[in-house]
N, C-alpha and C. Protein backbone atom coordinates (compact mmCIF):
# COMPACT_ATOMS: atom_id res chain seq x y z
N MET A 1 8.81 6.39 11.59
CA MET A 1 8.94 7.78 11.25
C MET A 1 7.55 8.37 11.05
N GLU A 2 7.34 9.50 11.63
CA GLU A 2 6.04 10.15 11.51
C GLU A 2 6.03 11.06 10.29
N ARG A 3 4.95 10.98 9.55
CA ARG A 3 4.79 11.80 8.34
C ARG A 3 4.21 13.14 8.74
N ARG A 4 4.83 14.22 8.32
CA ARG A 4 4.28 15.53 8.63
C ARG A 4 3.70 16.14 7.37
N GLU A 5 2.71 16.97 7.54
CA GLU A 5 2.08 17.65 6.42
C GLU A 5 2.96 18.82 5.98
N LEU A 6 2.91 19.13 4.69
CA LEU A 6 3.67 20.26 4.17
C LEU A 6 2.94 21.56 4.48
N THR A 7 3.72 22.59 4.69
CA THR A 7 3.11 23.92 4.85
C THR A 7 2.67 24.42 3.47
N GLU A 8 1.91 25.49 3.44
CA GLU A 8 1.47 26.06 2.17
C GLU A 8 2.67 26.50 1.33
N ALA A 9 3.66 27.08 1.98
CA ALA A 9 4.87 27.52 1.26
C ALA A 9 5.63 26.31 0.70
N GLU A 10 5.70 25.23 1.47
CA GLU A 10 6.38 24.03 0.99
C GLU A 10 5.62 23.40 -0.19
N HIS A 11 4.27 23.41 -0.12
CA HIS A 11 3.46 22.92 -1.24
C HIS A 11 3.76 23.73 -2.51
N LEU A 12 3.81 25.04 -2.36
CA LEU A 12 4.07 25.92 -3.50
C LEU A 12 5.45 25.65 -4.07
N ALA A 13 6.45 25.52 -3.21
CA ALA A 13 7.81 25.25 -3.67
C ALA A 13 7.89 23.89 -4.39
N LEU A 14 7.21 22.90 -3.86
CA LEU A 14 7.19 21.58 -4.49
C LEU A 14 6.51 21.65 -5.86
N ARG A 15 5.37 22.31 -5.93
CA ARG A 15 4.64 22.45 -7.19
C ARG A 15 5.50 23.17 -8.24
N GLN A 16 6.19 24.23 -7.82
CA GLN A 16 7.05 24.96 -8.75
C GLN A 16 8.21 24.09 -9.24
N ALA A 17 8.83 23.34 -8.33
CA ALA A 17 9.94 22.48 -8.70
C ALA A 17 9.47 21.39 -9.67
N LEU A 18 8.30 20.82 -9.41
CA LEU A 18 7.77 19.79 -10.31
C LEU A 18 7.44 20.38 -11.68
N SER A 19 6.85 21.56 -11.70
CA SER A 19 6.54 22.21 -12.98
C SER A 19 7.81 22.47 -13.78
N MET A 20 8.85 22.91 -13.10
CA MET A 20 10.13 23.16 -13.78
C MET A 20 10.72 21.86 -14.31
N ALA A 21 10.55 20.77 -13.60
CA ALA A 21 11.06 19.49 -14.04
C ALA A 21 10.23 18.92 -15.20
N ILE A 22 8.93 19.12 -15.17
CA ILE A 22 8.03 18.59 -16.19
C ILE A 22 8.14 19.36 -17.50
N GLY A 23 8.38 20.67 -17.43
CA GLY A 23 8.44 21.50 -18.64
C GLY A 23 9.38 20.96 -19.71
N PRO A 24 10.64 20.71 -19.38
CA PRO A 24 11.56 20.18 -20.40
C PRO A 24 11.15 18.79 -20.92
N LEU A 25 10.58 17.98 -20.04
CA LEU A 25 10.12 16.66 -20.48
C LEU A 25 8.97 16.79 -21.46
N LYS A 26 8.02 17.67 -21.15
CA LYS A 26 6.88 17.91 -22.06
C LYS A 26 7.40 18.41 -23.41
N GLN A 27 8.35 19.33 -23.37
CA GLN A 27 8.92 19.87 -24.61
C GLN A 27 9.61 18.77 -25.39
N ALA A 28 10.37 17.91 -24.70
CA ALA A 28 11.07 16.83 -25.38
C ALA A 28 10.09 15.82 -25.99
N LEU A 29 9.01 15.53 -25.30
CA LEU A 29 8.06 14.53 -25.79
C LEU A 29 7.12 15.07 -26.85
N TYR A 30 6.64 16.30 -26.69
CA TYR A 30 5.58 16.82 -27.55
C TYR A 30 5.88 18.15 -28.20
N GLY A 31 6.99 18.78 -27.84
CA GLY A 31 7.29 20.11 -28.35
C GLY A 31 7.44 20.15 -29.85
N GLU A 32 8.10 19.14 -30.42
CA GLU A 32 8.31 19.12 -31.87
C GLU A 32 6.97 19.07 -32.60
N THR A 33 6.05 18.26 -32.11
CA THR A 33 4.72 18.16 -32.74
C THR A 33 4.01 19.50 -32.68
N MET A 34 4.05 20.16 -31.53
CA MET A 34 3.37 21.44 -31.36
C MET A 34 4.04 22.51 -32.23
N GLU A 35 5.37 22.54 -32.26
CA GLU A 35 6.09 23.53 -33.06
C GLU A 35 5.83 23.32 -34.55
N ARG A 36 5.80 22.07 -35.00
CA ARG A 36 5.53 21.77 -36.39
C ARG A 36 4.15 22.29 -36.79
N TRP A 37 3.16 22.08 -35.93
CA TRP A 37 1.81 22.59 -36.22
C TRP A 37 1.84 24.10 -36.38
N ASP A 38 2.51 24.77 -35.42
CA ASP A 38 2.58 26.24 -35.47
C ASP A 38 3.26 26.72 -36.76
N GLN A 39 4.32 26.00 -37.20
CA GLN A 39 5.04 26.39 -38.42
C GLN A 39 4.20 26.13 -39.67
N GLU A 40 3.53 25.02 -39.70
CA GLU A 40 2.74 24.64 -40.88
C GLU A 40 1.41 25.38 -40.94
N ASN A 41 0.96 25.92 -39.83
CA ASN A 41 -0.33 26.58 -39.76
C ASN A 41 -0.20 27.90 -39.01
N PRO A 42 0.58 28.86 -39.55
CA PRO A 42 0.80 30.11 -38.82
C PRO A 42 -0.51 30.84 -38.54
N GLY A 43 -0.65 31.22 -37.28
CA GLY A 43 -1.82 31.97 -36.85
C GLY A 43 -3.08 31.13 -36.73
N LYS A 44 -3.01 29.87 -37.08
CA LYS A 44 -4.19 29.00 -37.00
C LYS A 44 -4.11 28.19 -35.71
N PRO A 45 -5.17 28.22 -34.90
CA PRO A 45 -5.13 27.44 -33.66
C PRO A 45 -5.08 25.95 -33.97
N LEU A 46 -4.61 25.20 -33.02
CA LEU A 46 -4.59 23.74 -33.17
C LEU A 46 -5.98 23.24 -33.53
N GLN A 47 -6.03 22.22 -34.37
CA GLN A 47 -7.32 21.62 -34.70
C GLN A 47 -7.99 21.12 -33.42
N PHE A 48 -7.17 20.64 -32.56
CA PHE A 48 -7.68 20.14 -31.28
C PHE A 48 -7.12 21.06 -30.21
N PRO A 49 -7.90 22.07 -29.78
CA PRO A 49 -7.36 23.10 -28.89
C PRO A 49 -6.81 22.56 -27.57
N ALA A 50 -7.26 21.39 -27.15
CA ALA A 50 -6.76 20.85 -25.88
C ALA A 50 -5.44 20.12 -26.05
N GLY A 51 -4.83 20.21 -27.23
CA GLY A 51 -3.59 19.47 -27.51
C GLY A 51 -2.48 19.77 -26.53
N ARG A 52 -2.22 21.05 -26.26
CA ARG A 52 -1.14 21.39 -25.34
C ARG A 52 -1.42 20.88 -23.92
N PRO A 53 -2.60 21.14 -23.35
CA PRO A 53 -2.84 20.60 -22.00
C PRO A 53 -2.84 19.07 -21.97
N LEU A 54 -3.32 18.45 -23.04
CA LEU A 54 -3.30 16.99 -23.06
C LEU A 54 -1.87 16.46 -23.14
N ALA A 55 -1.01 17.16 -23.87
CA ALA A 55 0.40 16.78 -23.92
C ALA A 55 1.01 16.88 -22.52
N GLU A 56 0.64 17.92 -21.82
CA GLU A 56 1.13 18.07 -20.44
C GLU A 56 0.58 16.97 -19.54
N LEU A 57 -0.69 16.64 -19.74
CA LEU A 57 -1.31 15.58 -18.94
C LEU A 57 -0.62 14.24 -19.18
N VAL A 58 -0.32 13.92 -20.44
CA VAL A 58 0.39 12.68 -20.75
C VAL A 58 1.77 12.69 -20.09
N THR A 59 2.43 13.82 -20.14
CA THR A 59 3.75 13.95 -19.52
C THR A 59 3.65 13.74 -18.01
N LEU A 60 2.63 14.33 -17.40
CA LEU A 60 2.44 14.14 -15.95
C LEU A 60 2.17 12.67 -15.63
N LYS A 61 1.44 11.97 -16.50
CA LYS A 61 1.19 10.54 -16.28
C LYS A 61 2.51 9.77 -16.30
N HIS A 62 3.37 10.09 -17.27
CA HIS A 62 4.69 9.44 -17.32
C HIS A 62 5.46 9.73 -16.03
N ALA A 63 5.41 10.97 -15.58
CA ALA A 63 6.12 11.35 -14.36
C ALA A 63 5.55 10.61 -13.15
N ALA A 64 4.22 10.51 -13.08
CA ALA A 64 3.58 9.81 -11.95
C ALA A 64 3.99 8.34 -11.92
N GLU A 65 4.06 7.71 -13.09
CA GLU A 65 4.49 6.31 -13.16
C GLU A 65 5.94 6.17 -12.69
N GLU A 66 6.78 7.10 -13.09
CA GLU A 66 8.17 7.06 -12.66
C GLU A 66 8.28 7.29 -11.15
N LEU A 67 7.51 8.24 -10.61
CA LEU A 67 7.52 8.49 -9.17
C LEU A 67 7.04 7.26 -8.40
N GLU A 68 6.03 6.57 -8.93
CA GLU A 68 5.54 5.36 -8.27
C GLU A 68 6.63 4.29 -8.23
N GLY A 69 7.37 4.16 -9.34
CA GLY A 69 8.49 3.21 -9.36
C GLY A 69 9.57 3.59 -8.36
N MET A 70 9.84 4.87 -8.26
CA MET A 70 10.83 5.35 -7.29
C MET A 70 10.36 5.09 -5.86
N ALA A 71 9.06 5.33 -5.60
CA ALA A 71 8.51 5.09 -4.27
C ALA A 71 8.62 3.60 -3.91
N SER A 72 8.34 2.75 -4.89
CA SER A 72 8.44 1.31 -4.65
C SER A 72 9.87 0.91 -4.29
N ALA A 73 10.83 1.45 -5.03
CA ALA A 73 12.24 1.14 -4.75
C ALA A 73 12.64 1.62 -3.36
N VAL A 74 12.19 2.81 -2.97
CA VAL A 74 12.53 3.34 -1.65
C VAL A 74 11.84 2.52 -0.55
N ALA A 75 10.59 2.10 -0.80
CA ALA A 75 9.89 1.27 0.18
C ALA A 75 10.63 -0.05 0.38
N LYS A 76 11.11 -0.64 -0.70
CA LYS A 76 11.88 -1.89 -0.60
C LYS A 76 13.18 -1.66 0.16
N GLU A 77 13.83 -0.54 -0.09
CA GLU A 77 15.06 -0.22 0.63
C GLU A 77 14.78 -0.08 2.13
N ALA A 78 13.69 0.63 2.45
CA ALA A 78 13.33 0.81 3.87
C ALA A 78 13.00 -0.54 4.50
N GLY A 79 12.26 -1.39 3.76
CA GLY A 79 11.93 -2.72 4.28
C GLY A 79 13.16 -3.56 4.50
N ALA A 80 14.13 -3.47 3.60
CA ALA A 80 15.38 -4.22 3.75
C ALA A 80 16.18 -3.75 4.95
N LYS A 81 15.95 -2.51 5.36
CA LYS A 81 16.68 -1.97 6.51
C LYS A 81 15.86 -2.05 7.80
N GLY A 82 14.78 -2.85 7.77
CA GLY A 82 14.05 -3.13 9.01
C GLY A 82 12.70 -2.45 9.17
N ALA A 83 12.27 -1.62 8.21
CA ALA A 83 10.96 -0.97 8.34
C ALA A 83 9.87 -2.03 8.16
N SER A 84 8.80 -1.88 8.92
CA SER A 84 7.65 -2.78 8.80
C SER A 84 6.63 -2.15 7.87
N TYR A 85 5.59 -2.92 7.53
CA TYR A 85 4.51 -2.34 6.72
C TYR A 85 3.81 -1.23 7.48
N ALA A 86 3.76 -1.32 8.79
CA ALA A 86 3.17 -0.24 9.59
C ALA A 86 4.00 1.04 9.41
N ASP A 87 5.33 0.90 9.40
CA ASP A 87 6.21 2.06 9.19
C ASP A 87 6.01 2.65 7.79
N LEU A 88 5.97 1.78 6.77
CA LEU A 88 5.78 2.24 5.40
C LEU A 88 4.44 2.95 5.26
N GLY A 89 3.40 2.38 5.84
CA GLY A 89 2.07 2.99 5.77
C GLY A 89 2.05 4.35 6.44
N ALA A 90 2.68 4.46 7.59
CA ALA A 90 2.72 5.74 8.29
C ALA A 90 3.45 6.79 7.46
N ALA A 91 4.54 6.39 6.81
CA ALA A 91 5.30 7.34 5.99
C ALA A 91 4.49 7.80 4.77
N TRP A 92 3.69 6.91 4.20
CA TRP A 92 2.93 7.23 2.98
C TRP A 92 1.55 7.80 3.30
N GLY A 93 1.16 7.72 4.57
CA GLY A 93 -0.15 8.24 4.97
C GLY A 93 -1.28 7.28 4.68
N ILE A 94 -0.99 5.97 4.72
CA ILE A 94 -2.00 4.94 4.49
C ILE A 94 -1.91 3.91 5.60
N THR A 95 -2.83 2.96 5.61
CA THR A 95 -2.81 1.92 6.64
C THR A 95 -1.71 0.91 6.36
N ARG A 96 -1.40 0.13 7.36
CA ARG A 96 -0.43 -0.95 7.22
C ARG A 96 -0.88 -1.93 6.12
N GLN A 97 -2.17 -2.25 6.12
CA GLN A 97 -2.70 -3.19 5.12
C GLN A 97 -2.58 -2.61 3.71
N ALA A 98 -2.86 -1.32 3.56
CA ALA A 98 -2.74 -0.68 2.25
C ALA A 98 -1.28 -0.66 1.79
N ALA A 99 -0.35 -0.45 2.71
CA ALA A 99 1.07 -0.47 2.36
C ALA A 99 1.48 -1.87 1.91
N ARG A 100 0.95 -2.88 2.56
CA ARG A 100 1.26 -4.26 2.19
C ARG A 100 0.74 -4.57 0.79
N LYS A 101 -0.43 -4.03 0.44
CA LYS A 101 -0.96 -4.23 -0.91
C LYS A 101 -0.20 -3.41 -1.94
N ARG A 102 0.19 -2.21 -1.59
CA ARG A 102 0.88 -1.32 -2.52
C ARG A 102 2.28 -1.82 -2.84
N TRP A 103 2.99 -2.30 -1.83
CA TRP A 103 4.37 -2.78 -2.00
C TRP A 103 4.48 -4.19 -1.41
N PRO A 104 3.91 -5.20 -2.07
CA PRO A 104 3.79 -6.53 -1.47
C PRO A 104 5.12 -7.21 -1.11
N MET A 105 6.18 -6.88 -1.77
CA MET A 105 7.46 -7.54 -1.49
C MET A 105 8.47 -6.61 -0.82
N ALA A 106 8.00 -5.51 -0.28
CA ALA A 106 8.92 -4.51 0.27
C ALA A 106 9.56 -4.95 1.57
N VAL A 107 8.83 -5.68 2.38
CA VAL A 107 9.36 -6.08 3.69
C VAL A 107 9.75 -7.55 3.61
N ASP A 108 10.96 -7.85 4.05
CA ASP A 108 11.47 -9.21 4.03
C ASP A 108 10.68 -10.07 5.01
N PRO A 109 9.90 -11.06 4.51
CA PRO A 109 9.07 -11.85 5.42
C PRO A 109 9.87 -12.72 6.36
N GLY A 110 11.12 -13.00 6.04
CA GLY A 110 11.93 -13.83 6.91
C GLY A 110 12.56 -13.07 8.06
N ALA A 111 12.51 -11.77 8.01
CA ALA A 111 13.18 -10.95 9.02
C ALA A 111 12.37 -10.90 10.30
N ALA A 112 12.82 -11.59 11.28
CA ALA A 112 12.23 -11.53 12.64
C ALA A 112 10.73 -11.75 12.66
N ARG A 113 10.25 -12.73 11.88
CA ARG A 113 8.81 -12.99 11.85
C ARG A 113 8.34 -13.53 13.19
N ARG A 114 7.21 -13.02 13.59
CA ARG A 114 6.50 -13.50 14.78
C ARG A 114 7.44 -13.61 15.98
N THR A 115 8.06 -12.51 16.31
CA THR A 115 9.06 -12.51 17.37
C THR A 115 8.45 -12.45 18.76
N ARG A 116 7.25 -11.94 18.91
CA ARG A 116 6.62 -11.92 20.22
C ARG A 116 5.98 -13.28 20.46
N PRO A 117 6.04 -13.77 21.70
CA PRO A 117 5.49 -15.10 21.93
C PRO A 117 3.98 -15.13 21.68
N PRO A 118 3.50 -16.19 21.02
CA PRO A 118 2.07 -16.28 20.74
C PRO A 118 1.27 -16.53 22.02
N VAL A 119 -0.01 -16.22 21.95
CA VAL A 119 -0.93 -16.41 23.06
C VAL A 119 -1.96 -17.45 22.64
N ASP A 120 -2.14 -18.47 23.47
CA ASP A 120 -3.11 -19.52 23.18
C ASP A 120 -4.43 -19.23 23.86
N ILE A 121 -5.53 -19.52 23.14
CA ILE A 121 -6.88 -19.29 23.64
C ILE A 121 -7.69 -20.57 23.46
N THR A 122 -8.43 -20.94 24.49
CA THR A 122 -9.38 -22.05 24.39
C THR A 122 -10.74 -21.48 24.73
N ALA A 123 -11.69 -21.63 23.78
CA ALA A 123 -13.04 -21.08 23.98
C ALA A 123 -14.02 -21.76 23.03
N PHE A 124 -15.24 -21.90 23.46
CA PHE A 124 -16.32 -22.44 22.64
C PHE A 124 -15.98 -23.80 22.06
N GLY A 125 -15.20 -24.60 22.78
CA GLY A 125 -14.85 -25.94 22.34
C GLY A 125 -13.74 -25.97 21.29
N GLY A 126 -13.14 -24.84 20.98
CA GLY A 126 -12.07 -24.79 19.99
C GLY A 126 -10.82 -24.14 20.57
N LYS A 127 -9.80 -24.06 19.74
CA LYS A 127 -8.54 -23.47 20.18
C LYS A 127 -8.05 -22.47 19.15
N ALA A 128 -7.39 -21.43 19.64
CA ALA A 128 -6.83 -20.40 18.77
C ALA A 128 -5.48 -19.98 19.31
N ARG A 129 -4.68 -19.46 18.42
CA ARG A 129 -3.38 -18.89 18.79
C ARG A 129 -3.29 -17.52 18.13
N VAL A 130 -2.87 -16.52 18.92
CA VAL A 130 -2.70 -15.15 18.45
C VAL A 130 -1.21 -14.85 18.49
N GLY A 131 -0.67 -14.31 17.40
CA GLY A 131 0.75 -14.00 17.35
C GLY A 131 1.01 -12.69 16.65
N PHE A 132 2.25 -12.25 16.73
CA PHE A 132 2.66 -10.98 16.14
C PHE A 132 3.58 -11.24 14.97
N ASP A 133 3.35 -10.53 13.88
CA ASP A 133 4.19 -10.61 12.69
C ASP A 133 4.97 -9.31 12.58
N SER A 134 6.23 -9.35 12.96
CA SER A 134 7.00 -8.10 12.98
C SER A 134 7.26 -7.56 11.58
N ALA A 135 7.31 -8.41 10.58
CA ALA A 135 7.52 -7.93 9.22
C ALA A 135 6.31 -7.14 8.74
N ASP A 136 5.12 -7.59 9.10
CA ASP A 136 3.89 -6.91 8.69
C ASP A 136 3.51 -5.83 9.69
N GLY A 137 4.00 -5.96 10.91
CA GLY A 137 3.68 -4.99 11.94
C GLY A 137 2.29 -5.17 12.52
N GLY A 138 1.74 -6.36 12.41
CA GLY A 138 0.39 -6.58 12.92
C GLY A 138 0.23 -7.94 13.56
N TRP A 139 -0.91 -8.11 14.21
CA TRP A 139 -1.25 -9.35 14.89
C TRP A 139 -2.09 -10.23 13.98
N TRP A 140 -1.93 -11.55 14.08
CA TRP A 140 -2.66 -12.54 13.29
C TRP A 140 -3.23 -13.57 14.24
N TRP A 141 -4.07 -14.45 13.72
CA TRP A 141 -4.56 -15.55 14.52
C TRP A 141 -4.78 -16.78 13.65
N VAL A 142 -4.69 -17.94 14.30
CA VAL A 142 -5.00 -19.22 13.69
C VAL A 142 -5.93 -19.94 14.67
N ALA A 143 -6.94 -20.61 14.14
CA ALA A 143 -7.91 -21.25 15.03
C ALA A 143 -8.43 -22.54 14.42
N ALA A 144 -8.76 -23.49 15.30
CA ALA A 144 -9.47 -24.72 14.95
C ALA A 144 -10.71 -24.75 15.82
N ALA A 145 -11.88 -24.61 15.19
CA ALA A 145 -13.14 -24.52 15.92
C ALA A 145 -13.67 -25.90 16.29
N ALA A 146 -14.66 -25.91 17.17
CA ALA A 146 -15.25 -27.16 17.66
C ALA A 146 -15.85 -27.99 16.53
N ASN A 147 -16.33 -27.34 15.47
CA ASN A 147 -16.95 -28.08 14.37
C ASN A 147 -15.95 -28.52 13.31
N GLY A 148 -14.66 -28.34 13.56
CA GLY A 148 -13.63 -28.80 12.63
C GLY A 148 -13.19 -27.76 11.61
N VAL A 149 -13.84 -26.60 11.57
CA VAL A 149 -13.44 -25.54 10.65
C VAL A 149 -12.20 -24.85 11.21
N SER A 150 -11.24 -24.57 10.33
CA SER A 150 -10.03 -23.88 10.80
C SER A 150 -9.73 -22.70 9.89
N ARG A 151 -8.92 -21.78 10.41
CA ARG A 151 -8.52 -20.59 9.66
C ARG A 151 -7.20 -20.09 10.20
N ASP A 152 -6.34 -19.64 9.28
CA ASP A 152 -5.04 -19.09 9.66
C ASP A 152 -4.86 -17.76 8.94
N THR A 153 -5.11 -16.65 9.64
CA THR A 153 -5.01 -15.34 9.00
C THR A 153 -3.56 -14.95 8.73
N GLY A 154 -2.61 -15.63 9.35
CA GLY A 154 -1.21 -15.35 9.09
C GLY A 154 -0.75 -15.84 7.73
N LEU A 155 -1.48 -16.81 7.16
CA LEU A 155 -1.11 -17.36 5.86
C LEU A 155 -1.98 -16.87 4.72
N GLU A 156 -3.13 -16.28 5.04
CA GLU A 156 -4.05 -15.84 3.99
C GLU A 156 -3.54 -14.57 3.34
N GLU A 157 -3.59 -14.54 2.01
CA GLU A 157 -3.07 -13.41 1.23
C GLU A 157 -3.70 -12.08 1.62
N ASP A 158 -5.02 -11.99 1.64
CA ASP A 158 -5.69 -10.72 1.90
C ASP A 158 -6.33 -10.66 3.29
N ALA A 159 -5.91 -11.54 4.18
CA ALA A 159 -6.50 -11.54 5.52
C ALA A 159 -6.06 -10.30 6.28
N PRO A 160 -6.92 -9.81 7.13
CA PRO A 160 -6.53 -8.63 7.90
C PRO A 160 -5.50 -8.98 8.96
N THR A 161 -4.67 -8.02 9.28
CA THR A 161 -3.86 -8.12 10.48
C THR A 161 -4.43 -7.06 11.42
N TYR A 162 -4.12 -7.19 12.67
CA TYR A 162 -4.76 -6.36 13.69
C TYR A 162 -3.72 -5.52 14.39
N ASP A 163 -4.15 -4.35 14.86
CA ASP A 163 -3.23 -3.42 15.51
C ASP A 163 -2.83 -3.87 16.91
N THR A 164 -3.69 -4.63 17.58
CA THR A 164 -3.38 -5.08 18.94
C THR A 164 -3.68 -6.57 19.08
N SER A 165 -3.07 -7.19 20.10
CA SER A 165 -3.36 -8.60 20.36
C SER A 165 -4.80 -8.79 20.78
N GLU A 166 -5.36 -7.78 21.44
CA GLU A 166 -6.76 -7.87 21.89
C GLU A 166 -7.72 -7.92 20.70
N GLU A 167 -7.44 -7.10 19.66
CA GLU A 167 -8.29 -7.13 18.46
C GLU A 167 -8.20 -8.49 17.77
N ALA A 168 -6.99 -9.03 17.66
CA ALA A 168 -6.81 -10.34 17.03
C ALA A 168 -7.50 -11.42 17.85
N ALA A 169 -7.37 -11.35 19.18
CA ALA A 169 -8.02 -12.34 20.05
C ALA A 169 -9.54 -12.25 19.94
N ALA A 170 -10.07 -11.04 19.84
CA ALA A 170 -11.51 -10.88 19.69
C ALA A 170 -11.99 -11.48 18.38
N ALA A 171 -11.24 -11.27 17.29
CA ALA A 171 -11.61 -11.85 15.99
C ALA A 171 -11.54 -13.37 16.04
N ALA A 172 -10.50 -13.90 16.67
CA ALA A 172 -10.38 -15.35 16.80
C ALA A 172 -11.52 -15.90 17.66
N GLY A 173 -11.84 -15.21 18.73
CA GLY A 173 -12.95 -15.64 19.59
C GLY A 173 -14.28 -15.61 18.84
N ALA A 174 -14.50 -14.60 18.03
CA ALA A 174 -15.73 -14.53 17.24
C ALA A 174 -15.79 -15.69 16.25
N PHE A 175 -14.65 -16.04 15.65
CA PHE A 175 -14.60 -17.18 14.75
C PHE A 175 -14.95 -18.47 15.49
N LEU A 176 -14.36 -18.66 16.66
CA LEU A 176 -14.65 -19.87 17.45
C LEU A 176 -16.12 -19.91 17.86
N ALA A 177 -16.68 -18.78 18.26
CA ALA A 177 -18.08 -18.73 18.67
C ALA A 177 -19.01 -19.02 17.49
N ALA A 178 -18.64 -18.56 16.29
CA ALA A 178 -19.49 -18.77 15.12
C ALA A 178 -19.41 -20.19 14.58
N ASN A 179 -18.44 -20.96 15.05
CA ASN A 179 -18.24 -22.31 14.52
C ASN A 179 -18.33 -23.37 15.61
N THR A 180 -19.34 -23.24 16.47
CA THR A 180 -19.54 -24.25 17.52
C THR A 180 -20.47 -25.36 17.06
N GLY A 181 -21.34 -25.04 16.11
CA GLY A 181 -22.33 -26.01 15.64
C GLY A 181 -21.76 -26.91 14.57
N PRO A 182 -22.66 -27.66 13.93
CA PRO A 182 -22.20 -28.58 12.88
C PRO A 182 -21.49 -27.84 11.75
N LYS A 183 -20.56 -28.54 11.13
CA LYS A 183 -19.80 -27.97 10.02
C LYS A 183 -20.72 -27.80 8.81
N GLU A 184 -20.61 -26.63 8.17
CA GLU A 184 -21.41 -26.38 6.97
C GLU A 184 -20.93 -27.30 5.86
N PRO A 185 -21.82 -27.78 4.97
CA PRO A 185 -21.43 -28.72 3.93
C PRO A 185 -20.34 -28.19 3.00
N ASN A 186 -20.30 -26.90 2.71
CA ASN A 186 -19.32 -26.34 1.79
C ASN A 186 -18.13 -25.73 2.50
N ALA A 187 -18.02 -25.87 3.80
CA ALA A 187 -16.93 -25.24 4.55
C ALA A 187 -15.68 -26.07 4.48
């Protein structure tokens, strides 16, 4: 699904709707404190003049946390119905990798993992395999270099995934090329 930008009128309508929703919450959370001050100190400004805006700011923080929880639940629902991290990222306006970090368990990793056939590469005395992860929506690679060093980006927690098989193959090839010599002592 492609994310579209809101028009100025839609932004205004959204802002007004959110303000209307936040007002009663702010009143429920902080209204009694503010009203008590006004009653106990008629005509006297708050000791801390920023009290009202800070009460609103705290209320907005509560609302933002709730919206984040709602977004997480919807992302998980979309993932359960077949959306990939690439789809979630596109909907939120972020990269696939950022969506994976934001909602790490949203996409079922067992659902059609690595459905495209992998591609094998032999270069620089080592071997690599490039494959597609449909749950993540990106390409990964695993390689064993000539010097015995190996790497599997499909299993690494924060490893990048790639938008195309060519990008993944280039990264795997660079890894193989960088590891043709003797193995580093700490590798």
